Amino acid sequence: MVSKITDTIIPQIKEWQNKPITSIYPFIFMDAIHYKVREDGQIKSKAAYVVAR
């Protein structure tokens, strides 16, 4: 399965590698911490997300 996915995206990767470099590359950093909480008598997994640009 991994080889099938890789073979599918290799042309897109090569195209990206050969494109000209521009002066501005915007980016967004995303991360999350997962923790367990008791809610309605059950333990559920929740996430706190951090997004920075």
N, C-alpha and C. Protein backbone atom coordinates (compact mmCIF):
# COMPACT_ATOMS: atom_id res chain seq x y z
N MET A 1 0.82 -1.19 0.00
CA MET A 1 0.00 0.00 0.00
C MET A 1 0.87 1.26 0.00
N VAL A 2 1.94 1.25 0.80
CA VAL A 2 2.82 2.42 0.84
C VAL A 2 3.45 2.67 -0.52
N SER A 3 3.90 1.60 -1.17
CA SER A 3 4.50 1.76 -2.50
C SER A 3 3.51 2.31 -3.51
N LYS A 4 2.27 1.89 -3.41
CA LYS A 4 1.23 2.37 -4.33
C LYS A 4 1.01 3.87 -4.13
N ILE A 5 0.94 4.31 -2.88
CA ILE A 5 0.75 5.74 -2.58
C ILE A 5 1.97 6.53 -3.05
N THR A 6 3.16 6.01 -2.74
CA THR A 6 4.39 6.70 -3.13
C THR A 6 4.48 6.85 -4.65
N ASP A 7 4.18 5.77 -5.37
CA ASP A 7 4.23 5.84 -6.83
C ASP A 7 3.25 6.86 -7.39
N THR A 8 2.13 7.05 -6.70
CA THR A 8 1.13 8.01 -7.15
C THR A 8 1.59 9.45 -6.97
N ILE A 9 2.29 9.74 -5.87
CA ILE A 9 2.64 11.14 -5.59
C ILE A 9 4.03 11.55 -6.06
N ILE A 10 4.86 10.61 -6.51
CA ILE A 10 6.21 10.97 -6.96
C ILE A 10 6.21 12.02 -8.06
N PRO A 11 5.35 11.96 -9.08
CA PRO A 11 5.35 13.04 -10.09
C PRO A 11 5.07 14.42 -9.49
N GLN A 12 4.18 14.49 -8.51
CA GLN A 12 3.89 15.77 -7.87
C GLN A 12 5.09 16.26 -7.06
N ILE A 13 5.78 15.36 -6.41
CA ILE A 13 6.98 15.73 -5.64
C ILE A 13 8.05 16.26 -6.56
N LYS A 14 8.29 15.58 -7.68
CA LYS A 14 9.31 16.03 -8.63
C LYS A 14 8.95 17.40 -9.21
N GLU A 15 7.68 17.63 -9.49
CA GLU A 15 7.23 18.93 -10.00
C GLU A 15 7.51 20.02 -8.96
N TRP A 16 7.21 19.73 -7.68
CA TRP A 16 7.44 20.69 -6.61
C TRP A 16 8.93 20.98 -6.46
N GLN A 17 9.76 19.93 -6.54
CA GLN A 17 11.20 20.11 -6.39
C GLN A 17 11.79 20.97 -7.50
N ASN A 18 11.20 20.95 -8.68
CA ASN A 18 11.76 21.68 -9.82
C ASN A 18 11.14 23.06 -10.04
N LYS A 19 10.19 23.46 -9.19
CA LYS A 19 9.60 24.78 -9.40
C LYS A 19 10.55 25.88 -8.92
N PRO A 20 10.46 27.06 -9.50
CA PRO A 20 11.36 28.14 -9.09
C PRO A 20 11.06 28.61 -7.66
N ILE A 21 12.09 29.06 -7.01
CA ILE A 21 11.96 29.55 -5.64
C ILE A 21 11.40 30.96 -5.67
N THR A 22 10.40 31.22 -4.85
CA THR A 22 9.84 32.57 -4.73
C THR A 22 10.38 33.23 -3.46
N SER A 23 10.17 34.49 -3.34
CA SER A 23 10.74 35.23 -2.21
C SER A 23 9.96 35.05 -0.90
N ILE A 24 8.70 34.69 -0.98
CA ILE A 24 7.89 34.57 0.23
C ILE A 24 7.23 33.19 0.28
N TYR A 25 7.40 32.52 1.40
CA TYR A 25 6.75 31.24 1.64
C TYR A 25 5.97 31.32 2.95
N PRO A 26 4.67 31.55 2.87
CA PRO A 26 3.88 31.58 4.11
C PRO A 26 3.79 30.18 4.71
N PHE A 27 3.69 30.12 6.03
CA PHE A 27 3.55 28.83 6.68
C PHE A 27 2.66 28.95 7.91
N ILE A 28 2.10 27.85 8.30
CA ILE A 28 1.29 27.76 9.51
C ILE A 28 1.80 26.58 10.32
N PHE A 29 2.08 26.81 11.60
CA PHE A 29 2.50 25.75 12.51
C PHE A 29 1.29 25.30 13.29
N MET A 30 1.01 24.01 13.28
CA MET A 30 -0.13 23.47 14.03
C MET A 30 0.36 22.33 14.91
N ASP A 31 -0.15 22.30 16.14
CA ASP A 31 0.20 21.24 17.07
C ASP A 31 -1.00 21.02 17.99
N ALA A 32 -1.00 19.91 18.69
CA ALA A 32 -2.09 19.63 19.62
C ALA A 32 -1.57 18.76 20.75
N ILE A 33 -2.17 18.93 21.90
CA ILE A 33 -1.91 18.03 23.02
C ILE A 33 -3.22 17.32 23.30
N HIS A 34 -3.16 16.02 23.42
CA HIS A 34 -4.35 15.20 23.67
C HIS A 34 -4.38 14.81 25.14
N TYR A 35 -5.56 14.89 25.73
CA TYR A 35 -5.70 14.55 27.14
C TYR A 35 -7.06 13.90 27.34
N LYS A 36 -7.20 13.19 28.46
CA LYS A 36 -8.45 12.49 28.79
C LYS A 36 -9.24 13.32 29.79
N VAL A 37 -10.56 13.38 29.60
CA VAL A 37 -11.45 14.09 30.53
C VAL A 37 -12.65 13.20 30.83
N ARG A 38 -13.20 13.38 32.01
CA ARG A 38 -14.42 12.66 32.35
C ARG A 38 -15.59 13.57 31.97
N GLU A 39 -16.49 13.05 31.14
CA GLU A 39 -17.62 13.83 30.65
C GLU A 39 -18.83 12.91 30.56
N ASP A 40 -19.90 13.29 31.21
CA ASP A 40 -21.14 12.49 31.22
C ASP A 40 -20.89 11.07 31.72
N GLY A 41 -20.03 10.93 32.72
CA GLY A 41 -19.75 9.62 33.30
C GLY A 41 -18.84 8.75 32.45
N GLN A 42 -18.30 9.29 31.37
CA GLN A 42 -17.39 8.54 30.51
C GLN A 42 -16.07 9.28 30.39
N ILE A 43 -15.02 8.54 30.09
CA ILE A 43 -13.72 9.17 29.85
C ILE A 43 -13.58 9.35 28.34
N LYS A 44 -13.34 10.59 27.93
CA LYS A 44 -13.23 10.92 26.51
C LYS A 44 -11.89 11.60 26.24
N SER A 45 -11.42 11.43 25.03
CA SER A 45 -10.18 12.07 24.61
C SER A 45 -10.51 13.44 24.01
N LYS A 46 -9.80 14.45 24.45
CA LYS A 46 -9.97 15.82 23.93
C LYS A 46 -8.62 16.32 23.44
N ALA A 47 -8.64 17.37 22.66
CA ALA A 47 -7.39 17.95 22.16
C ALA A 47 -7.41 19.46 22.34
N ALA A 48 -6.27 20.01 22.72
CA ALA A 48 -6.08 21.45 22.76
C ALA A 48 -5.13 21.80 21.62
N TYR A 49 -5.60 22.61 20.69
CA TYR A 49 -4.82 22.92 19.49
C TYR A 49 -4.08 24.25 19.63
N VAL A 50 -2.90 24.30 19.03
CA VAL A 50 -2.10 25.54 18.96
C VAL A 50 -1.83 25.80 17.49
N VAL A 51 -2.14 27.02 17.05
CA VAL A 51 -1.89 27.40 15.67
C VAL A 51 -1.13 28.71 15.67
N ALA A 52 -0.03 28.76 14.94
CA ALA A 52 0.77 29.99 14.86
C ALA A 52 1.12 30.23 13.39
N ARG A 53 1.21 31.48 13.04
CA ARG A 53 1.63 31.78 11.68
C ARG A 53 2.76 32.75 11.68
